[in-house]
């Protein structure tokens, strides 16, 4: 988590939320159920962008992270994105 939040902070992503200790069965790697048999857990970081180019830049950095910096298949970052119809603070 810290390596990804550092990447976001270095690239001035000012709007993200963290869901810590998420149990999951991933497409790759071992399940993470935070138990003695399946130790570990995931973290979900949700980001919102009002500029699609900024989102594309961060996605490219996360792909680069997977290729160059992930410690193995269990450390790969999964990225999902979709466009929002509304995004505002009022």
Foldseek 3Di string as FASTA:
>chain_A
DVVLVVVCVVLPQPFKDKDPFAWACDPDDHGDPCDPVRRDGDMDIDGDDPDVVSVVVSVVVLVVCQVPPAPDRVRRDDDDDDDDPDDDDD
